[in-house]
Amino acid sequence: FKQNNGDTFNGGGNLHVNVASPTANAMAGGFRLKDGDDNAFVAWCLD
């Protein structure tokens, strides 16, 4: 789950970026997530 459904980064650092090879228009930064037991963690995109 997201820690905050209204903000994937939950106030943490992030920035809009455009990259090439592969081409993507994305928000870059650490995602603030949690598991079903409410254990919070920061996740990073590998995809």
ModelCIF file with pLDDT and N, C-alpha, C, O atoms, coordinates in Angstrom:
data_MODEL
#
_entry.id   MODEL 
#
_entity.id                         1 
_entity.type                       polymer 
_entity.pdbx_number_of_molecules   1 
#
_entity_poly.entity_id                      1 
_entity_poly.type                           'polypeptide(L)' 
_entity_poly.nstd_linkage                   no 
_entity_poly.nstd_monomer                   no 
_entity_poly.pdbx_seq_one_letter_code       FKQNNGDTFNGGGNLHVNVASPTANAMAGGFRLKDGDDNAFVAWCLD 
_entity_poly.pdbx_seq_one_letter_code_can   FKQNNGDTFNGGGNLHVNVASPTANAMAGGFRLKDGDDNAFVAWCLD 
_entity_poly.pdbx_strand_id                 A 
#
loop_
_entity_poly_seq.entity_id 
_entity_poly_seq.num 
_entity_poly_seq.mon_id 
_entity_poly_seq.hetero 
1 1  PHE n 
1 2  LYS n 
1 3  GLN n 
1 4  ASN n 
1 5  ASN n 
1 6  GLY n 
1 7  ASP n 
1 8  THR n 
1 9  PHE n 
1 10 ASN n 
1 11 GLY n 
1 12 GLY n 
1 13 GLY n 
1 14 ASN n 
1 15 LEU n 
1 16 HIS n 
1 17 VAL n 
1 18 ASN n 
1 19 VAL n 
1 20 ALA n 
1 21 SER n 
1 22 PRO n 
1 23 THR n 
1 24 ALA n 
1 25 ASN n 
1 26 ALA n 
1 27 MET n 
1 28 ALA n 
1 29 GLY n 
1 30 GLY n 
1 31 PHE n 
1 32 ARG n 
1 33 LEU n 
1 34 LYS n 
1 35 ASP n 
1 36 GLY n 
1 37 ASP n 
1 38 ASP n 
1 39 ASN n 
1 40 ALA n 
1 41 PHE n 
1 42 VAL n 
1 43 ALA n 
1 44 TRP n 
1 45 CYS n 
1 46 LEU n 
1 47 ASP n 
#
_struct_asym.id          A 
_struct_asym.entity_id   1 
#
loop_
_ma_qa_metric.id 
_ma_qa_metric.mode 
_ma_qa_metric.name 
_ma_qa_metric.software_group_id 
_ma_qa_metric.type 
1 global pLDDT . pLDDT 
2 local  pLDDT . pLDDT 
#
_ma_qa_metric_global.metric_id      1 
_ma_qa_metric_global.metric_value   95.57 
_ma_qa_metric_global.model_id       1 
_ma_qa_metric_global.ordinal_id     1 
#
loop_
_ma_qa_metric_local.label_asym_id 
_ma_qa_metric_local.label_comp_id 
_ma_qa_metric_local.label_seq_id 
_ma_qa_metric_local.metric_id 
_ma_qa_metric_local.metric_value 
_ma_qa_metric_local.model_id 
_ma_qa_metric_local.ordinal_id 
A PHE 1  2 98.00 1 1  
A LYS 2  2 98.00 1 2  
A GLN 3  2 98.00 1 3  
A ASN 4  2 97.00 1 4  
A ASN 5  2 96.00 1 5  
A GLY 6  2 94.00 1 6  
A ASP 7  2 96.00 1 7  
A THR 8  2 96.00 1 8  
A PHE 9  2 97.00 1 9  
A ASN 10 2 97.00 1 10 
A GLY 11 2 95.00 1 11 
A GLY 12 2 96.00 1 12 
A GLY 13 2 97.00 1 13 
A ASN 14 2 97.00 1 14 
A LEU 15 2 95.00 1 15 
A HIS 16 2 94.00 1 16 
A VAL 17 2 94.00 1 17 
A ASN 18 2 92.00 1 18 
A VAL 19 2 92.00 1 19 
A ALA 20 2 88.00 1 20 
A SER 21 2 88.00 1 21 
A PRO 22 2 91.00 1 22 
A THR 23 2 90.00 1 23 
A ALA 24 2 90.00 1 24 
A ASN 25 2 91.00 1 25 
A ALA 26 2 91.00 1 26 
A MET 27 2 94.00 1 27 
A ALA 28 2 97.00 1 28 
A GLY 29 2 98.00 1 29 
A GLY 30 2 98.00 1 30 
A PHE 31 2 98.00 1 31 
A ARG 32 2 98.00 1 32 
A LEU 33 2 98.00 1 33 
A LYS 34 2 98.00 1 34 
A ASP 35 2 97.00 1 35 
A GLY 36 2 96.00 1 36 
A ASP 37 2 97.00 1 37 
A ASP 38 2 97.00 1 38 
A ASN 39 2 97.00 1 39 
A ALA 40 2 98.00 1 40 
A PHE 41 2 98.00 1 41 
A VAL 42 2 98.00 1 42 
A ALA 43 2 98.00 1 43 
A TRP 44 2 98.00 1 44 
A CYS 45 2 98.00 1 45 
A LEU 46 2 98.00 1 46 
A ASP 47 2 95.00 1 47 
#
loop_
_atom_site.group_PDB 
_atom_site.id 
_atom_site.type_symbol 
_atom_site.label_atom_id 
_atom_site.label_alt_id 
_atom_site.label_comp_id 
_atom_site.label_asym_id 
_atom_site.label_entity_id 
_atom_site.label_seq_id 
_atom_site.pdbx_PDB_ins_code 
_atom_site.Cartn_x 
_atom_site.Cartn_y 
_atom_site.Cartn_z 
_atom_site.occupancy 
_atom_site.B_iso_or_equiv 
_atom_site.pdbx_formal_charge 
_atom_site.auth_seq_id 
_atom_site.auth_comp_id 
_atom_site.auth_asym_id 
_atom_site.auth_atom_id 
_atom_site.pdbx_PDB_model_num 
ATOM 1   N N  . PHE A 1 1  ? 0.841  -1.192 0.000   1.00 98.00 ? 1  PHE A N  1 
ATOM 2   C CA . PHE A 1 1  ? 0.000  0.000  0.000   1.00 98.00 ? 1  PHE A CA 1 
ATOM 3   C C  . PHE A 1 1  ? 0.877  1.243  0.000   1.00 98.00 ? 1  PHE A C  1 
ATOM 4   O O  . PHE A 1 1  ? 2.037  1.186  0.410   1.00 98.00 ? 1  PHE A O  1 
ATOM 5   N N  . LYS A 1 2  ? 0.332  2.364  -0.457  1.00 98.00 ? 2  LYS A N  1 
ATOM 6   C CA . LYS A 1 2  ? 0.990  3.647  -0.264  1.00 98.00 ? 2  LYS A CA 1 
ATOM 7   C C  . LYS A 1 2  ? 0.802  4.076  1.191   1.00 98.00 ? 2  LYS A C  1 
ATOM 8   O O  . LYS A 1 2  ? -0.253 3.836  1.779   1.00 98.00 ? 2  LYS A O  1 
ATOM 9   N N  . GLN A 1 3  ? 1.813  4.704  1.768   1.00 98.00 ? 3  GLN A N  1 
ATOM 10  C CA . GLN A 1 3  ? 1.655  5.265  3.105   1.00 98.00 ? 3  GLN A CA 1 
ATOM 11  C C  . GLN A 1 3  ? 0.639  6.403  3.092   1.00 98.00 ? 3  GLN A C  1 
ATOM 12  O O  . GLN A 1 3  ? -0.080 6.622  4.067   1.00 98.00 ? 3  GLN A O  1 
ATOM 13  N N  . ASN A 1 4  ? 0.590  7.116  1.982   1.00 97.00 ? 4  ASN A N  1 
ATOM 14  C CA . ASN A 1 4  ? -0.334 8.236  1.816   1.00 97.00 ? 4  ASN A CA 1 
ATOM 15  C C  . ASN A 1 4  ? -0.933 8.127  0.432   1.00 97.00 ? 4  ASN A C  1 
ATOM 16  O O  . ASN A 1 4  ? -0.232 8.337  -0.558  1.00 97.00 ? 4  ASN A O  1 
ATOM 17  N N  . ASN A 1 5  ? -2.213 7.803  0.335   1.00 96.00 ? 5  ASN A N  1 
ATOM 18  C CA . ASN A 1 5  ? -2.826 7.586  -0.974  1.00 96.00 ? 5  ASN A CA 1 
ATOM 19  C C  . ASN A 1 5  ? -2.821 8.839  -1.837  1.00 96.00 ? 5  ASN A C  1 
ATOM 20  O O  . ASN A 1 5  ? -2.924 8.754  -3.060  1.00 96.00 ? 5  ASN A O  1 
ATOM 21  N N  . GLY A 1 6  ? -2.699 10.011 -1.199  1.00 94.00 ? 6  GLY A N  1 
ATOM 22  C CA . GLY A 1 6  ? -2.672 11.254 -1.961  1.00 94.00 ? 6  GLY A CA 1 
ATOM 23  C C  . GLY A 1 6  ? -1.294 11.662 -2.422  1.00 94.00 ? 6  GLY A C  1 
ATOM 24  O O  . GLY A 1 6  ? -1.164 12.609 -3.198  1.00 94.00 ? 6  GLY A O  1 
ATOM 25  N N  . ASP A 1 7  ? -0.242 10.965 -1.960  1.00 96.00 ? 7  ASP A N  1 
ATOM 26  C CA . ASP A 1 7  ? 1.128  11.349 -2.293  1.00 96.00 ? 7  ASP A CA 1 
ATOM 27  C C  . ASP A 1 7  ? 2.017  10.122 -2.190  1.00 96.00 ? 7  ASP A C  1 
ATOM 28  O O  . ASP A 1 7  ? 2.337  9.663  -1.094  1.00 96.00 ? 7  ASP A O  1 
ATOM 29  N N  . THR A 1 8  ? 2.416  9.591  -3.354  1.00 96.00 ? 8  THR A N  1 
ATOM 30  C CA . THR A 1 8  ? 3.243  8.384  -3.377  1.00 96.00 ? 8  THR A CA 1 
ATOM 31  C C  . THR A 1 8  ? 4.549  8.577  -2.608  1.00 96.00 ? 8  THR A C  1 
ATOM 32  O O  . THR A 1 8  ? 5.087  7.624  -2.045  1.00 96.00 ? 8  THR A O  1 
ATOM 33  N N  . PHE A 1 9  ? 5.057  9.806  -2.584  1.00 97.00 ? 9  PHE A N  1 
ATOM 34  C CA . PHE A 1 9  ? 6.333  10.093 -1.920  1.00 97.00 ? 9  PHE A CA 1 
ATOM 35  C C  . PHE A 1 9  ? 6.132  10.543 -0.471  1.00 97.00 ? 9  PHE A C  1 
ATOM 36  O O  . PHE A 1 9  ? 7.103  10.686 0.272   1.00 97.00 ? 9  PHE A O  1 
ATOM 37  N N  . ASN A 1 10 ? 4.885  10.765 -0.067  1.00 97.00 ? 10 ASN A N  1 
ATOM 38  C CA . ASN A 1 10 ? 4.520  11.122 1.304   1.00 97.00 ? 10 ASN A CA 1 
ATOM 39  C C  . ASN A 1 10 ? 5.386  12.263 1.845   1.00 97.00 ? 10 ASN A C  1 
ATOM 40  O O  . ASN A 1 10 ? 5.863  12.215 2.978   1.00 97.00 ? 10 ASN A O  1 
ATOM 41  N N  . GLY A 1 11 ? 5.578  13.282 1.014   1.00 95.00 ? 11 GLY A N  1 
ATOM 42  C CA . GLY A 1 11 ? 6.349  14.446 1.431   1.00 95.00 ? 11 GLY A CA 1 
ATOM 43  C C  . GLY A 1 11 ? 7.843  14.318 1.245   1.00 95.00 ? 11 GLY A C  1 
ATOM 44  O O  . GLY A 1 11 ? 8.574  15.277 1.492   1.00 95.00 ? 11 GLY A O  1 
ATOM 45  N N  . GLY A 1 12 ? 8.322  13.158 0.817   1.00 96.00 ? 12 GLY A N  1 
ATOM 46  C CA . GLY A 1 12 ? 9.755  12.950 0.623   1.00 96.00 ? 12 GLY A CA 1 
ATOM 47  C C  . GLY A 1 12 ? 10.242 13.542 -0.685  1.00 96.00 ? 12 GLY A C  1 
ATOM 48  O O  . GLY A 1 12 ? 9.449  14.018 -1.498  1.00 96.00 ? 12 GLY A O  1 
ATOM 49  N N  . GLY A 1 13 ? 11.565 13.510 -0.883  1.00 97.00 ? 13 GLY A N  1 
ATOM 50  C CA . GLY A 1 13 ? 12.156 14.117 -2.055  1.00 97.00 ? 13 GLY A CA 1 
ATOM 51  C C  . GLY A 1 13 ? 11.738 13.432 -3.347  1.00 97.00 ? 13 GLY A C  1 
ATOM 52  O O  . GLY A 1 13 ? 11.703 12.204 -3.425  1.00 97.00 ? 13 GLY A O  1 
ATOM 53  N N  . ASN A 1 14 ? 11.422 14.230 -4.356  1.00 97.00 ? 14 ASN A N  1 
ATOM 54  C CA . ASN A 1 14 ? 11.088 13.700 -5.671  1.00 97.00 ? 14 ASN A CA 1 
ATOM 55  C C  . ASN A 1 14 ? 11.173 14.818 -6.691  1.00 97.00 ? 14 ASN A C  1 
ATOM 56  O O  . ASN A 1 14 ? 11.185 15.998 -6.341  1.00 97.00 ? 14 ASN A O  1 
ATOM 57  N N  . LEU A 1 15 ? 11.232 14.435 -7.949  1.00 95.00 ? 15 LEU A N  1 
ATOM 58  C CA . LEU A 1 15 ? 11.409 15.411 -9.017  1.00 95.00 ? 15 LEU A CA 1 
ATOM 59  C C  . LEU A 1 15 ? 10.907 14.827 -10.323 1.00 95.00 ? 15 LEU A C  1 
ATOM 60  O O  . LEU A 1 15 ? 11.078 13.638 -10.589 1.00 95.00 ? 15 LEU A O  1 
ATOM 61  N N  . HIS A 1 16 ? 10.283 15.673 -11.140 1.00 94.00 ? 16 HIS A N  1 
ATOM 62  C CA . HIS A 1 16 ? 9.843  15.247 -12.456 1.00 94.00 ? 16 HIS A CA 1 
ATOM 63  C C  . HIS A 1 16 ? 11.037 15.205 -13.398 1.00 94.00 ? 16 HIS A C  1 
ATOM 64  O O  . HIS A 1 16 ? 11.800 16.168 -13.485 1.00 94.00 ? 16 HIS A O  1 
ATOM 65  N N  . VAL A 1 17 ? 11.202 14.072 -14.113 1.00 94.00 ? 17 VAL A N  1 
ATOM 66  C CA . VAL A 1 17 ? 12.321 13.918 -15.038 1.00 94.00 ? 17 VAL A CA 1 
ATOM 67  C C  . VAL A 1 17 ? 11.833 13.327 -16.355 1.00 94.00 ? 17 VAL A C  1 
ATOM 68  O O  . VAL A 1 17 ? 10.815 12.636 -16.412 1.00 94.00 ? 17 VAL A O  1 
ATOM 69  N N  . ASN A 1 18 ? 12.587 13.619 -17.406 1.00 92.00 ? 18 ASN A N  1 
ATOM 70  C CA . ASN A 1 18 ? 12.399 12.981 -18.709 1.00 92.00 ? 18 ASN A CA 1 
ATOM 71  C C  . ASN A 1 18 ? 13.700 12.274 -19.058 1.00 92.00 ? 18 ASN A C  1 
ATOM 72  O O  . ASN A 1 18 ? 14.771 12.878 -19.013 1.00 92.00 ? 18 ASN A O  1 
ATOM 73  N N  . VAL A 1 19 ? 13.608 11.003 -19.403 1.00 92.00 ? 19 VAL A N  1 
ATOM 74  C CA . VAL A 1 19 ? 14.811 10.239 -19.723 1.00 92.00 ? 19 VAL A CA 1 
ATOM 75  C C  . VAL A 1 19 ? 14.663 9.559  -21.081 1.00 92.00 ? 19 VAL A C  1 
ATOM 76  O O  . VAL A 1 19 ? 13.561 9.410  -21.610 1.00 92.00 ? 19 VAL A O  1 
ATOM 77  N N  . ALA A 1 20 ? 15.809 9.152  -21.624 1.00 88.00 ? 20 ALA A N  1 
ATOM 78  C CA . ALA A 1 20 ? 15.819 8.497  -22.927 1.00 88.00 ? 20 ALA A CA 1 
ATOM 79  C C  . ALA A 1 20 ? 16.593 7.197  -22.851 1.00 88.00 ? 20 ALA A C  1 
ATOM 80  O O  . ALA A 1 20 ? 17.539 7.058  -22.076 1.00 88.00 ? 20 ALA A O  1 
ATOM 81  N N  . SER A 1 21 ? 16.168 6.244  -23.675 1.00 88.00 ? 21 SER A N  1 
ATOM 82  C CA . SER A 1 21 ? 16.788 4.904  -23.817 1.00 88.00 ? 21 SER A CA 1 
ATOM 83  C C  . SER A 1 21 ? 16.760 4.104  -22.521 1.00 88.00 ? 21 SER A C  1 
ATOM 84  O O  . SER A 1 21 ? 17.824 3.847  -21.959 1.00 88.00 ? 21 SER A O  1 
ATOM 85  N N  . PRO A 1 22 ? 15.625 3.707  -22.032 1.00 91.00 ? 22 PRO A N  1 
ATOM 86  C CA . PRO A 1 22 ? 14.296 3.863  -22.608 1.00 91.00 ? 22 PRO A CA 1 
ATOM 87  C C  . PRO A 1 22 ? 13.696 5.245  -22.327 1.00 91.00 ? 22 PRO A C  1 
ATOM 88  O O  . PRO A 1 22 ? 14.077 5.927  -21.376 1.00 91.00 ? 22 PRO A O  1 
ATOM 89  N N  . THR A 1 23 ? 12.761 5.627  -23.172 1.00 90.00 ? 23 THR A N  1 
ATOM 90  C CA . THR A 1 23 ? 12.106 6.926  -23.034 1.00 90.00 ? 23 THR A CA 1 
ATOM 91  C C  . THR A 1 23 ? 11.023 6.853  -21.980 1.00 90.00 ? 23 THR A C  1 
ATOM 92  O O  . THR A 1 23 ? 10.178 5.958  -21.999 1.00 90.00 ? 23 THR A O  1 
ATOM 93  N N  . ALA A 1 24 ? 11.055 7.803  -21.061 1.00 90.00 ? 24 ALA A N  1 
ATOM 94  C CA . ALA A 1 24 ? 10.044 7.834  -20.002 1.00 90.00 ? 24 ALA A CA 1 
ATOM 95  C C  . ALA A 1 24 ? 9.909  9.245  -19.470 1.00 90.00 ? 24 ALA A C  1 
ATOM 96  O O  . ALA A 1 24 ? 10.875 10.006 -19.420 1.00 90.00 ? 24 ALA A O  1 
ATOM 97  N N  . ASN A 1 25 ? 8.707  9.574  -19.078 1.00 91.00 ? 25 ASN A N  1 
ATOM 98  C CA . ASN A 1 25 ? 8.367  10.822 -18.416 1.00 91.00 ? 25 ASN A CA 1 
ATOM 99  C C  . ASN A 1 25 ? 7.891  10.417 -17.030 1.00 91.00 ? 25 ASN A C  1 
ATOM 100 O O  . ASN A 1 25 ? 6.807  9.850  -16.890 1.00 91.00 ? 25 ASN A O  1 
ATOM 101 N N  . ALA A 1 26 ? 8.688  10.700 -16.002 1.00 91.00 ? 26 ALA A N  1 
ATOM 102 C CA . ALA A 1 26 ? 8.424  10.065 -14.709 1.00 91.00 ? 26 ALA A CA 1 
ATOM 103 C C  . ALA A 1 26 ? 8.727  10.987 -13.543 1.00 91.00 ? 26 ALA A C  1 
ATOM 104 O O  . ALA A 1 26 ? 9.421  11.994 -13.684 1.00 91.00 ? 26 ALA A O  1 
ATOM 105 N N  . MET A 1 27 ? 8.196  10.621 -12.397 1.00 94.00 ? 27 MET A N  1 
ATOM 106 C CA . MET A 1 27 ? 8.580  11.219 -11.136 1.00 94.00 ? 27 MET A CA 1 
ATOM 107 C C  . MET A 1 27 ? 9.638  10.316 -10.514 1.00 94.00 ? 27 MET A C  1 
ATOM 108 O O  . MET A 1 27 ? 9.418  9.116  -10.349 1.00 94.00 ? 27 MET A O  1 
ATOM 109 N N  . ALA A 1 28 ? 10.782 10.894 -10.172 1.00 97.00 ? 28 ALA A N  1 
ATOM 110 C CA . ALA A 1 28 ? 11.897 10.119 -9.632  1.00 97.00 ? 28 ALA A CA 1 
ATOM 111 C C  . ALA A 1 28 ? 12.073 10.423 -8.151  1.00 97.00 ? 28 ALA A C  1 
ATOM 112 O O  . ALA A 1 28 ? 12.065 11.583 -7.738  1.00 97.00 ? 28 ALA A O  1 
ATOM 113 N N  . GLY A 1 29 ? 12.231 9.376  -7.365  1.00 98.00 ? 29 GLY A N  1 
ATOM 114 C CA . GLY A 1 29 ? 12.428 9.517  -5.927  1.00 98.00 ? 29 GLY A CA 1 
ATOM 115 C C  . GLY A 1 29 ? 12.027 8.241  -5.218  1.00 98.00 ? 29 GLY A C  1 
ATOM 116 O O  . GLY A 1 29 ? 11.564 7.292  -5.851  1.00 98.00 ? 29 GLY A O  1 
ATOM 117 N N  . GLY A 1 30 ? 12.203 8.214  -3.917  1.00 98.00 ? 30 GLY A N  1 
ATOM 118 C CA . GLY A 1 30 ? 11.863 7.036  -3.141  1.00 98.00 ? 30 GLY A CA 1 
ATOM 119 C C  . GLY A 1 30 ? 10.378 6.981  -2.824  1.00 98.00 ? 30 GLY A C  1 
ATOM 120 O O  . GLY A 1 30 ? 9.820  7.933  -2.279  1.00 98.00 ? 30 GLY A O  1 
ATOM 121 N N  . PHE A 1 31 ? 9.732  5.863  -3.164  1.00 98.00 ? 31 PHE A N  1 
ATOM 122 C CA . PHE A 1 31 ? 8.307  5.671  -2.877  1.00 98.00 ? 31 PHE A CA 1 
ATOM 123 C C  . PHE A 1 31 ? 8.118  5.312  -1.404  1.00 98.00 ? 31 PHE A C  1 
ATOM 124 O O  . PHE A 1 31 ? 8.829  4.457  -0.876  1.00 98.00 ? 31 PHE A O  1 
ATOM 125 N N  . ARG A 1 32 ? 7.164  5.963  -0.743  1.00 98.00 ? 32 ARG A N  1 
ATOM 126 C CA . ARG A 1 32 ? 6.853  5.622  0.649   1.00 98.00 ? 32 ARG A CA 1 
ATOM 127 C C  . ARG A 1 32 ? 5.699  4.631  0.655   1.00 98.00 ? 32 ARG A C  1 
ATOM 128 O O  . ARG A 1 32 ? 4.550  4.991  0.395   1.00 98.00 ? 32 ARG A O  1 
ATOM 129 N N  . LEU A 1 33 ? 6.024  3.373  0.957   1.00 98.00 ? 33 LEU A N  1 
ATOM 130 C CA . LEU A 1 33 ? 5.043  2.295  0.921   1.00 98.00 ? 33 LEU A CA 1 
ATOM 131 C C  . LEU A 1 33 ? 4.953  1.617  2.282   1.00 98.00 ? 33 LEU A C  1 
ATOM 132 O O  . LEU A 1 33 ? 5.714  1.932  3.197   1.00 98.00 ? 33 LEU A O  1 
ATOM 133 N N  . LYS A 1 34 ? 4.015  0.683  2.404   1.00 98.00 ? 34 LYS A N  1 
ATOM 134 C CA . LYS A 1 34 ? 3.884  -0.127 3.609   1.00 98.00 ? 34 LYS A CA 1 
ATOM 135 C C  . LYS A 1 34 ? 3.275  -1.459 3.229   1.00 98.00 ? 34 LYS A C  1 
ATOM 136 O O  . LYS A 1 34 ? 2.629  -1.595 2.190   1.00 98.00 ? 34 LYS A O  1 
ATOM 137 N N  . ASP A 1 35 ? 3.493  -2.447 4.099   1.00 97.00 ? 35 ASP A N  1 
ATOM 138 C CA . ASP A 1 35 ? 2.896  -3.755 3.846   1.00 97.00 ? 35 ASP A CA 1 
ATOM 139 C C  . ASP A 1 35 ? 1.582  -3.885 4.605   1.00 97.00 ? 35 ASP A C  1 
ATOM 140 O O  . ASP A 1 35 ? 1.112  -2.927 5.218   1.00 97.00 ? 35 ASP A O  1 
ATOM 141 N N  . GLY A 1 36 ? 0.998  -5.071 4.559   1.00 96.00 ? 36 GLY A N  1 
ATOM 142 C CA . GLY A 1 36 ? -0.296 -5.277 5.197   1.00 96.00 ? 36 GLY A CA 1 
ATOM 143 C C  . GLY A 1 36 ? -0.274 -5.194 6.701   1.00 96.00 ? 36 GLY A C  1 
ATOM 144 O O  . GLY A 1 36 ? -1.330 -5.088 7.325   1.00 96.00 ? 36 GLY A O  1 
ATOM 145 N N  . ASP A 1 37 ? 0.912  -5.241 7.309   1.00 97.00 ? 37 ASP A N  1 
ATOM 146 C CA . ASP A 1 37 ? 1.052  -5.091 8.760   1.00 97.00 ? 37 ASP A CA 1 
ATOM 147 C C  . ASP A 1 37 ? 1.439  -3.678 9.155   1.00 97.00 ? 37 ASP A C  1 
ATOM 148 O O  . ASP A 1 37 ? 1.854  -3.441 10.290  1.00 97.00 ? 37 ASP A O  1 
ATOM 149 N N  . ASP A 1 38 ? 1.308  -2.742 8.235   1.00 97.00 ? 38 ASP A N  1 
ATOM 150 C CA . ASP A 1 38 ? 1.648  -1.326 8.439   1.00 97.00 ? 38 ASP A CA 1 
ATOM 151 C C  . ASP A 1 38 ? 3.133  -1.089 8.677   1.00 97.00 ? 38 ASP A C  1 
ATOM 152 O O  . ASP A 1 38 ? 3.506  -0.081 9.276   1.00 97.00 ? 38 ASP A O  1 
ATOM 153 N N  . ASN A 1 39 ? 3.983  -1.996 8.220   1.00 97.00 ? 39 ASN A N  1 
ATOM 154 C CA . ASN A 1 39 ? 5.426  -1.762 8.273   1.00 97.00 ? 39 ASN A CA 1 
ATOM 155 C C  . ASN A 1 39 ? 5.808  -0.844 7.126   1.00 97.00 ? 39 ASN A C  1 
ATOM 156 O O  . ASN A 1 39 ? 5.674  -1.218 5.961   1.00 97.00 ? 39 ASN A O  1 
ATOM 157 N N  . ALA A 1 40 ? 6.282  0.356  7.443   1.00 98.00 ? 40 ALA A N  1 
ATOM 158 C CA . ALA A 1 40 ? 6.591  1.360  6.428   1.00 98.00 ? 40 ALA A CA 1 
ATOM 159 C C  . ALA A 1 40 ? 8.020  1.192  5.919   1.00 98.00 ? 40 ALA A C  1 
ATOM 160 O O  . ALA A 1 40 ? 8.912  0.802  6.672   1.00 98.00 ? 40 ALA A O  1 
ATOM 161 N N  . PHE A 1 41 ? 8.228  1.487  4.647   1.00 98.00 ? 41 PHE A N  1 
ATOM 162 C CA . PHE A 1 41 ? 9.557  1.409  4.055   1.00 98.00 ? 41 PHE A CA 1 
ATOM 163 C C  . PHE A 1 41 ? 9.617  2.299  2.820   1.00 98.00 ? 41 PHE A C  1 
ATOM 164 O O  . PHE A 1 41 ? 8.592  2.751  2.309   1.00 98.00 ? 41 PHE A O  1 
ATOM 165 N N  . VAL A 1 42 ? 10.840 2.542  2.350   1.00 98.00 ? 42 VAL A N  1 
ATOM 166 C CA . VAL A 1 42 ? 11.061 3.299  1.113   1.00 98.00 ? 42 VAL A CA 1 
ATOM 167 C C  . VAL A 1 42 ? 11.451 2.314  0.020   1.00 98.00 ? 42 VAL A C  1 
ATOM 168 O O  . VAL A 1 42 ? 12.349 1.492  0.205   1.00 98.00 ? 42 VAL A O  1 
ATOM 169 N N  . ALA A 1 43 ? 10.778 2.401  -1.108  1.00 98.00 ? 43 ALA A N  1 
ATOM 170 C CA . ALA A 1 43 ? 11.054 1.510  -2.238  1.00 98.00 ? 43 ALA A CA 1 
ATOM 171 C C  . ALA A 1 43 ? 11.526 2.327  -3.431  1.00 98.00 ? 43 ALA A C  1 
ATOM 172 O O  . ALA A 1 43 ? 11.182 3.499  -3.583  1.00 98.00 ? 43 ALA A O  1 
ATOM 173 N N  . TRP A 1 44 ? 12.329 1.670  -4.279  1.00 98.00 ? 44 TRP A N  1 
ATOM 174 C CA . TRP A 1 44 ? 12.905 2.323  -5.448  1.00 98.00 ? 44 TRP A CA 1 
ATOM 175 C C  . TRP A 1 44 ? 12.552 1.541  -6.701  1.00 98.00 ? 44 TRP A C  1 
ATOM 176 O O  . TRP A 1 44 ? 12.483 0.312  -6.687  1.00 98.00 ? 44 TRP A O  1 
ATOM 177 N N  . CYS A 1 45 ? 12.330 2.273  -7.778  1.00 98.00 ? 45 CYS A N  1 
ATOM 178 C CA . CYS A 1 45 ? 11.919 1.660  -9.046  1.00 98.00 ? 45 CYS A CA 1 
ATOM 179 C C  . CYS A 1 45 ? 13.094 0.975  -9.726  1.00 98.00 ? 45 CYS A C  1 
ATOM 180 O O  . CYS A 1 45 ? 14.149 1.577  -9.923  1.00 98.00 ? 45 CYS A O  1 
ATOM 181 N N  . LEU A 1 46 ? 12.899 -0.298 -10.084 1.00 98.00 ? 46 LEU A N  1 
ATOM 182 C CA . LEU A 1 46 ? 13.853 -1.029 -10.923 1.00 98.00 ? 46 LEU A CA 1 
ATOM 183 C C  . LEU A 1 46 ? 13.198 -1.444 -12.235 1.00 98.00 ? 46 LEU A C  1 
ATOM 184 O O  . LEU A 1 46 ? 13.569 -2.455 -12.833 1.00 98.00 ? 46 LEU A O  1 
ATOM 185 N N  . ASP A 1 47 ? 12.227 -0.661 -12.673 1.00 95.00 ? 47 ASP A N  1 
ATOM 186 C CA . ASP A 1 47 ? 11.406 -1.084 -13.811 1.00 95.00 ? 47 ASP A CA 1 
ATOM 187 C C  . ASP A 1 47 ? 10.732 0.142  -14.419 1.00 95.00 ? 47 ASP A C  1 
ATOM 188 O O  . ASP A 1 47 ? 9.990  0.019  -15.393 1.00 95.00 ? 47 ASP A O  1 
#
